[in-house]
Amino acid sequence: MGMDLVLSLLVLAAVALVAGAIVQWRRGKTGKQTGLLLVLAAVMIVNVLIWTIPNKDGTVPMDRAAEGVR
């Protein structure tokens, strides 16, 4: 259950970062911070995808980590 919570928090944080970038962009602040917020959100989403998309053998890395299999 711990990994589910972590992945859920990552998704929520990524959504919040995208929302923050949109707010900054609408206020006319199109500098580095807006781009960095979007880059960080993309990194978080890719991280979640890495842990949740099945491998070529059909197992999900998150499940393998829970089992203790390396």
PDB file of N, CA and C in Angstrom:
ATOM      1  N   MET A   1       0.826  -1.198   0.000  1.00  0.00           N
ATOM      2  CA  MET A   1       0.000   0.000   0.000  1.00  0.00           C
ATOM      3  C   MET A   1       0.860   1.249   0.000  1.00  0.00           C
ATOM      4  N   GLY A   2       2.062   1.187   0.506  1.00  0.00           N
ATOM      5  CA  GLY A   2       2.912   2.363   0.583  1.00  0.00           C
ATOM      6  C   GLY A   2       3.277   2.921  -0.776  1.00  0.00           C
ATOM      7  N   MET A   3       3.572   2.029  -1.726  1.00  0.00           N
ATOM      8  CA  MET A   3       3.954   2.485  -3.059  1.00  0.00           C
ATOM      9  C   MET A   3       2.771   3.126  -3.776  1.00  0.00           C
ATOM     10  N   ASP A   4       1.561   2.598  -3.550  1.00  0.00           N
ATOM     11  CA  ASP A   4       0.365   3.200  -4.141  1.00  0.00           C
ATOM     12  C   ASP A   4       0.197   4.639  -3.679  1.00  0.00           C
ATOM     13  N   LEU A   5       0.439   4.866  -2.406  1.00  0.00           N
ATOM     14  CA  LEU A   5       0.322   6.210  -1.851  1.00  0.00           C
ATOM     15  C   LEU A   5       1.358   7.150  -2.464  1.00  0.00           C
ATOM     16  N   VAL A   6       2.576   6.670  -2.601  1.00  0.00           N
ATOM     17  CA  VAL A   6       3.649   7.495  -3.169  1.00  0.00           C
ATOM     18  C   VAL A   6       3.337   7.862  -4.614  1.00  0.00           C
ATOM     19  N   LEU A   7       2.893   6.901  -5.401  1.00  0.00           N
ATOM     20  CA  LEU A   7       2.570   7.182  -6.800  1.00  0.00           C
ATOM     21  C   LEU A   7       1.380   8.132  -6.920  1.00  0.00           C
ATOM     22  N   SER A   8       0.407   7.985  -6.044  1.00  0.00           N
ATOM     23  CA  SER A   8      -0.737   8.896  -6.047  1.00  0.00           C
ATOM     24  C   SER A   8      -0.302  10.318  -5.719  1.00  0.00           C
ATOM     25  N   LEU A   9       0.576  10.461  -4.742  1.00  0.00           N
ATOM     26  CA  LEU A   9       1.074  11.787  -4.382  1.00  0.00           C
ATOM     27  C   LEU A   9       1.897  12.404  -5.519  1.00  0.00           C
ATOM     28  N   LEU A  10       2.656  11.567  -6.231  1.00  0.00           N
ATOM     29  CA  LEU A  10       3.414  12.070  -7.377  1.00  0.00           C
ATOM     30  C   LEU A  10       2.494  12.607  -8.462  1.00  0.00           C
ATOM     31  N   VAL A  11       1.415  11.896  -8.729  1.00  0.00           N
ATOM     32  CA  VAL A  11       0.464  12.358  -9.747  1.00  0.00           C
ATOM     33  C   VAL A  11      -0.202  13.664  -9.301  1.00  0.00           C
ATOM     34  N   LEU A  12      -0.616  13.732  -8.047  1.00  0.00           N
ATOM     35  CA  LEU A  12      -1.240  14.965  -7.544  1.00  0.00           C
ATOM     36  C   LEU A  12      -0.264  16.139  -7.584  1.00  0.00           C
ATOM     37  N   ALA A  13       0.986  15.888  -7.241  1.00  0.00           N
ATOM     38  CA  ALA A  13       1.993  16.946  -7.288  1.00  0.00           C
ATOM     39  C   ALA A  13       2.238  17.397  -8.723  1.00  0.00           C
ATOM     40  N   ALA A  14       2.246  16.462  -9.658  1.00  0.00           N
ATOM     41  CA  ALA A  14       2.441  16.821 -11.067  1.00  0.00           C
ATOM     42  C   ALA A  14       1.285  17.683 -11.566  1.00  0.00           C
ATOM     43  N   VAL A  15       0.066  17.340 -11.181  1.00  0.00           N
ATOM     44  CA  VAL A  15      -1.098  18.141 -11.571  1.00  0.00           C
ATOM     45  C   VAL A  15      -0.993  19.543 -10.975  1.00  0.00           C
ATOM     46  N   ALA A  16      -0.580  19.637  -9.724  1.00  0.00           N
ATOM     47  CA  ALA A  16      -0.424  20.941  -9.078  1.00  0.00           C
ATOM     48  C   ALA A  16       0.666  21.769  -9.759  1.00  0.00           C
ATOM     49  N   LEU A  17       1.750  21.121 -10.179  1.00  0.00           N
ATOM     50  CA  LEU A  17       2.818  21.842 -10.872  1.00  0.00           C
ATOM     51  C   LEU A  17       2.359  22.370 -12.221  1.00  0.00           C
ATOM     52  N   VAL A  18       1.596  21.575 -12.950  1.00  0.00           N
ATOM     53  CA  VAL A  18       1.065  22.036 -14.239  1.00  0.00           C
ATOM     54  C   VAL A  18       0.096  23.196 -14.021  1.00  0.00           C
ATOM     55  N   ALA A  19      -0.744  23.090 -12.999  1.00  0.00           N
ATOM     56  CA  ALA A  19      -1.673  24.183 -12.690  1.00  0.00           C
ATOM     57  C   ALA A  19      -0.904  25.451 -12.321  1.00  0.00           C
ATOM     58  N   GLY A  20       0.154  25.312 -11.547  1.00  0.00           N
ATOM     59  CA  GLY A  20       0.972  26.468 -11.187  1.00  0.00           C
ATOM     60  C   GLY A  20       1.641  27.090 -12.392  1.00  0.00           C
ATOM     61  N   ALA A  21       2.099  26.258 -13.328  1.00  0.00           N
ATOM     62  CA  ALA A  21       2.715  26.776 -14.549  1.00  0.00           C
ATOM     63  C   ALA A  21       1.695  27.530 -15.396  1.00  0.00           C
ATOM     64  N   ILE A  22       0.473  27.018 -15.451  1.00  0.00           N
ATOM     65  CA  ILE A  22      -0.588  27.705 -16.215  1.00  0.00           C
ATOM     66  C   ILE A  22      -0.913  29.050 -15.594  1.00  0.00           C
ATOM     67  N   VAL A  23      -0.987  29.084 -14.279  1.00  0.00           N
ATOM     68  CA  VAL A  23      -1.271  30.353 -13.584  1.00  0.00           C
ATOM     69  C   VAL A  23      -0.162  31.364 -13.862  1.00  0.00           C
ATOM     70  N   GLN A  24       1.075  30.935 -13.781  1.00  0.00           N
ATOM     71  CA  GLN A  24       2.188  31.849 -14.049  1.00  0.00           C
ATOM     72  C   GLN A  24       2.166  32.327 -15.494  1.00  0.00           C
ATOM     73  N   TRP A  25       1.861  31.430 -16.423  1.00  0.00           N
ATOM     74  CA  TRP A  25       1.839  31.786 -17.832  1.00  0.00           C
ATOM     75  C   TRP A  25       0.737  32.807 -18.113  1.00  0.00           C
ATOM     76  N   ARG A  26      -0.436  32.635 -17.477  1.00  0.00           N
ATOM     77  CA  ARG A  26      -1.542  33.583 -17.670  1.00  0.00           C
ATOM     78  C   ARG A  26      -1.233  34.951 -17.068  1.00  0.00           C
ATOM     79  N   ARG A  27      -0.404  34.983 -16.045  1.00  0.00           N
ATOM     80  CA  ARG A  27      -0.014  36.261 -15.441  1.00  0.00           C
ATOM     81  C   ARG A  27       1.097  36.950 -16.220  1.00  0.00           C
ATOM     82  N   GLY A  28       1.564  36.316 -17.274  1.00  0.00           N
ATOM     83  CA  GLY A  28       2.587  36.920 -18.109  1.00  0.00           C
ATOM     84  C   GLY A  28       4.008  36.576 -17.727  1.00  0.00           C
ATOM     85  N   LYS A  29       4.170  35.657 -16.806  1.00  0.00           N
ATOM     86  CA  LYS A  29       5.514  35.243 -16.394  1.00  0.00           C
ATOM     87  C   LYS A  29       5.908  34.003 -17.186  1.00  0.00           C
ATOM     88  N   THR A  30       6.566  34.214 -18.304  1.00  0.00           N
ATOM     89  CA  THR A  30       6.933  33.083 -19.158  1.00  0.00           C
ATOM     90  C   THR A  30       8.426  32.803 -19.080  1.00  0.00           C
ATOM     91  N   GLY A  31       8.993  33.017 -17.932  1.00  0.00           N
ATOM     92  CA  GLY A  31      10.427  32.823 -17.749  1.00  0.00           C
ATOM     93  C   GLY A  31      10.795  31.388 -17.447  1.00  0.00           C
ATOM     94  N   LYS A  32      11.941  31.244 -16.828  1.00  0.00           N
ATOM     95  CA  LYS A  32      12.483  29.922 -16.517  1.00  0.00           C
ATOM     96  C   LYS A  32      11.593  29.134 -15.563  1.00  0.00           C
ATOM     97  N   GLN A  33      11.007  29.810 -14.588  1.00  0.00           N
ATOM     98  CA  GLN A  33      10.233  29.099 -13.569  1.00  0.00           C
ATOM     99  C   GLN A  33       9.053  28.343 -14.169  1.00  0.00           C
ATOM    100  N   THR A  34       8.369  28.949 -15.127  1.00  0.00           N
ATOM    101  CA  THR A  34       7.231  28.285 -15.760  1.00  0.00           C
ATOM    102  C   THR A  34       7.691  27.029 -16.487  1.00  0.00           C
ATOM    103  N   GLY A  35       8.777  27.136 -17.217  1.00  0.00           N
ATOM    104  CA  GLY A  35       9.308  25.986 -17.925  1.00  0.00           C
ATOM    105  C   GLY A  35       9.800  24.905 -16.988  1.00  0.00           C
ATOM    106  N   LEU A  36      10.440  25.318 -15.914  1.00  0.00           N
ATOM    107  CA  LEU A  36      10.938  24.342 -14.948  1.00  0.00           C
ATOM    108  C   LEU A  36       9.800  23.609 -14.236  1.00  0.00           C
ATOM    109  N   LEU A  37       8.706  24.311 -13.977  1.00  0.00           N
ATOM    110  CA  LEU A  37       7.546  23.644 -13.382  1.00  0.00           C
ATOM    111  C   LEU A  37       7.027  22.549 -14.314  1.00  0.00           C
ATOM    112  N   LEU A  38       6.968  22.847 -15.596  1.00  0.00           N
ATOM    113  CA  LEU A  38       6.496  21.854 -16.563  1.00  0.00           C
ATOM    114  C   LEU A  38       7.476  20.698 -16.715  1.00  0.00           C
ATOM    115  N   VAL A  39       8.766  20.992 -16.686  1.00  0.00           N
ATOM    116  CA  VAL A  39       9.771  19.931 -16.783  1.00  0.00           C
ATOM    117  C   VAL A  39       9.683  19.010 -15.570  1.00  0.00           C
ATOM    118  N   LEU A  40       9.548  19.574 -14.389  1.00  0.00           N
ATOM    119  CA  LEU A  40       9.444  18.765 -13.176  1.00  0.00           C
ATOM    120  C   LEU A  40       8.180  17.907 -13.204  1.00  0.00           C
ATOM    121  N   ALA A  41       7.071  18.472 -13.681  1.00  0.00           N
ATOM    122  CA  ALA A  41       5.836  17.696 -13.791  1.00  0.00           C
ATOM    123  C   ALA A  41       6.021  16.541 -14.766  1.00  0.00           C
ATOM    124  N   ALA A  42       6.701  16.786 -15.882  1.00  0.00           N
ATOM    125  CA  ALA A  42       6.942  15.721 -16.862  1.00  0.00           C
ATOM    126  C   ALA A  42       7.818  14.620 -16.272  1.00  0.00           C
ATOM    127  N   VAL A  43       8.829  15.002 -15.502  1.00  0.00           N
ATOM    128  CA  VAL A  43       9.706  14.010 -14.875  1.00  0.00           C
ATOM    129  C   VAL A  43       8.903  13.148 -13.897  1.00  0.00           C
ATOM    130  N   MET A  44       8.026  13.772 -13.141  1.00  0.00           N
ATOM    131  CA  MET A  44       7.209  13.014 -12.190  1.00  0.00           C
ATOM    132  C   MET A  44       6.278  12.040 -12.913  1.00  0.00           C
ATOM    133  N   ILE A  45       5.668  12.491 -13.996  1.00  0.00           N
ATOM    134  CA  ILE A  45       4.750  11.630 -14.743  1.00  0.00           C
ATOM    135  C   ILE A  45       5.500  10.455 -15.373  1.00  0.00           C
ATOM    136  N   VAL A  46       6.666  10.721 -15.931  1.00  0.00           N
ATOM    137  CA  VAL A  46       7.474   9.637 -16.510  1.00  0.00           C
ATOM    138  C   VAL A  46       7.877   8.643 -15.425  1.00  0.00           C
ATOM    139  N   ASN A  47       8.197   9.137 -14.260  1.00  0.00           N
ATOM    140  CA  ASN A  47       8.559   8.258 -13.144  1.00  0.00           C
ATOM    141  C   ASN A  47       7.392   7.339 -12.778  1.00  0.00           C
ATOM    142  N   VAL A  48       6.198   7.881 -12.717  1.00  0.00           N
ATOM    143  CA  VAL A  48       5.021   7.066 -12.416  1.00  0.00           C
ATOM    144  C   VAL A  48       4.810   6.027 -13.519  1.00  0.00           C
ATOM    145  N   LEU A  49       4.978   6.436 -14.766  1.00  0.00           N
ATOM    146  CA  LEU A  49       4.807   5.495 -15.872  1.00  0.00           C
ATOM    147  C   LEU A  49       5.829   4.366 -15.825  1.00  0.00           C
ATOM    148  N   ILE A  50       7.049   4.692 -15.468  1.00  0.00           N
ATOM    149  CA  ILE A  50       8.088   3.656 -15.364  1.00  0.00           C
ATOM    150  C   ILE A  50       7.684   2.593 -14.348  1.00  0.00           C
ATOM    151  N   TRP A  51       7.094   3.013 -13.247  1.00  0.00           N
ATOM    152  CA  TRP A  51       6.732   2.064 -12.191  1.00  0.00           C
ATOM    153  C   TRP A  51       5.435   1.322 -12.467  1.00  0.00           C
ATOM    154  N   THR A  52       4.581   1.823 -13.378  1.00  0.00           N
ATOM    155  CA  THR A  52       3.256   1.220 -13.556  1.00  0.00           C
ATOM    156  C   THR A  52       3.053   0.519 -14.890  1.00  0.00           C
ATOM    157  N   ILE A  53       3.874   0.752 -15.893  1.00  0.00           N
ATOM    158  CA  ILE A  53       3.707   0.095 -17.195  1.00  0.00           C
ATOM    159  C   ILE A  53       4.379  -1.275 -17.140  1.00  0.00           C
ATOM    160  N   PRO A  54       3.670  -2.299 -17.616  1.00  0.00           N
ATOM    161  CA  PRO A  54       4.244  -3.652 -17.570  1.00  0.00           C
ATOM    162  C   PRO A  54       5.489  -3.795 -18.452  1.00  0.00           C
ATOM    163  N   ASN A  55       6.404  -4.672 -18.028  1.00  0.00           N
ATOM    164  CA  ASN A  55       7.599  -4.997 -18.799  1.00  0.00           C
ATOM    165  C   ASN A  55       7.228  -5.919 -19.948  1.00  0.00           C
ATOM    166  N   LYS A  56       8.236  -6.332 -20.714  1.00  0.00           N
ATOM    167  CA  LYS A  56       7.968  -7.236 -21.833  1.00  0.00           C
ATOM    168  C   LYS A  56       7.484  -8.609 -21.380  1.00  0.00           C
ATOM    169  N   ASP A  57       7.787  -8.971 -20.140  1.00  0.00           N
ATOM    170  CA  ASP A  57       7.294 -10.258 -19.628  1.00  0.00           C
ATOM    171  C   ASP A  57       5.936 -10.134 -18.938  1.00  0.00           C
ATOM    172  N   GLY A  58       5.359  -8.938 -18.932  1.00  0.00           N
ATOM    173  CA  GLY A  58       4.010  -8.740 -18.404  1.00  0.00           C
ATOM    174  C   GLY A  58       3.930  -8.402 -16.932  1.00  0.00           C
ATOM    175  N   THR A  59       5.052  -8.217 -16.270  1.00  0.00           N
ATOM    176  CA  THR A  59       5.015  -7.862 -14.849  1.00  0.00           C
ATOM    177  C   THR A  59       5.224  -6.359 -14.684  1.00  0.00           C
ATOM    178  N   VAL A  60       4.625  -5.835 -13.664  1.00  0.00           N
ATOM    179  CA  VAL A  60       4.736  -4.413 -13.357  1.00  0.00           C
ATOM    180  C   VAL A  60       5.865  -4.237 -12.342  1.00  0.00           C
ATOM    181  N   PRO A  61       6.802  -3.304 -12.576  1.00  0.00           N
ATOM    182  CA  PRO A  61       7.907  -3.118 -11.631  1.00  0.00           C
ATOM    183  C   PRO A  61       7.452  -2.854 -10.197  1.00  0.00           C
ATOM    184  N   MET A  62       6.329  -2.176 -10.039  1.00  0.00           N
ATOM    185  CA  MET A  62       5.829  -1.888  -8.701  1.00  0.00           C
ATOM    186  C   MET A  62       5.481  -3.176  -7.965  1.00  0.00           C
ATOM    187  N   ASP A  63       4.876  -4.137  -8.670  1.00  0.00           N
ATOM    188  CA  ASP A  63       4.528  -5.410  -8.045  1.00  0.00           C
ATOM    189  C   ASP A  63       5.768  -6.222  -7.699  1.00  0.00           C
ATOM    190  N   ARG A  64       6.761  -6.178  -8.585  1.00  0.00           N
ATOM    191  CA  ARG A  64       8.000  -6.911  -8.324  1.00  0.00           C
ATOM    192  C   ARG A  64       8.726  -6.331  -7.115  1.00  0.00           C
ATOM    193  N   ALA A  65       8.692  -5.012  -6.970  1.00  0.00           N
ATOM    194  CA  ALA A  65       9.335  -4.378  -5.817  1.00  0.00           C
ATOM    195  C   ALA A  65       8.614  -4.770  -4.527  1.00  0.00           C
ATOM    196  N   ALA A  66       7.295  -4.885  -4.593  1.00  0.00           N
ATOM    197  CA  ALA A  66       6.524  -5.256  -3.407  1.00  0.00           C
ATOM    198  C   ALA A  66       6.832  -6.692  -2.988  1.00  0.00           C
ATOM    199  N   GLU A  67       7.114  -7.546  -3.957  1.00  0.00           N
ATOM    200  CA  GLU A  67       7.432  -8.939  -3.656  1.00  0.00           C
ATOM    201  C   GLU A  67       8.866  -9.111  -3.174  1.00  0.00           C
ATOM    202  N   GLY A  68       9.703  -8.131  -3.406  1.00  0.00           N
ATOM    203  CA  GLY A  68      11.092  -8.223  -3.015  1.00  0.00           C
ATOM    204  C   GLY A  68      11.960  -8.884  -4.059  1.00  0.00           C
ATOM    205  N   VAL A  69      11.439  -9.061  -5.272  1.00  0.00           N
ATOM    206  CA  VAL A  69      12.180  -9.681  -6.369  1.00  0.00           C
ATOM    207  C   VAL A  69      13.034  -8.626  -7.045  1.00  0.00           C
ATOM    208  N   ARG A  70      14.286  -8.973  -7.328  1.00  0.00           N
ATOM    209  CA  ARG A  70      15.156  -8.017  -7.998  1.00  0.00           C
ATOM    210  C   ARG A  70      15.262  -8.297  -9.442  1.00  0.00           C
TER     211      ARG A  70
END
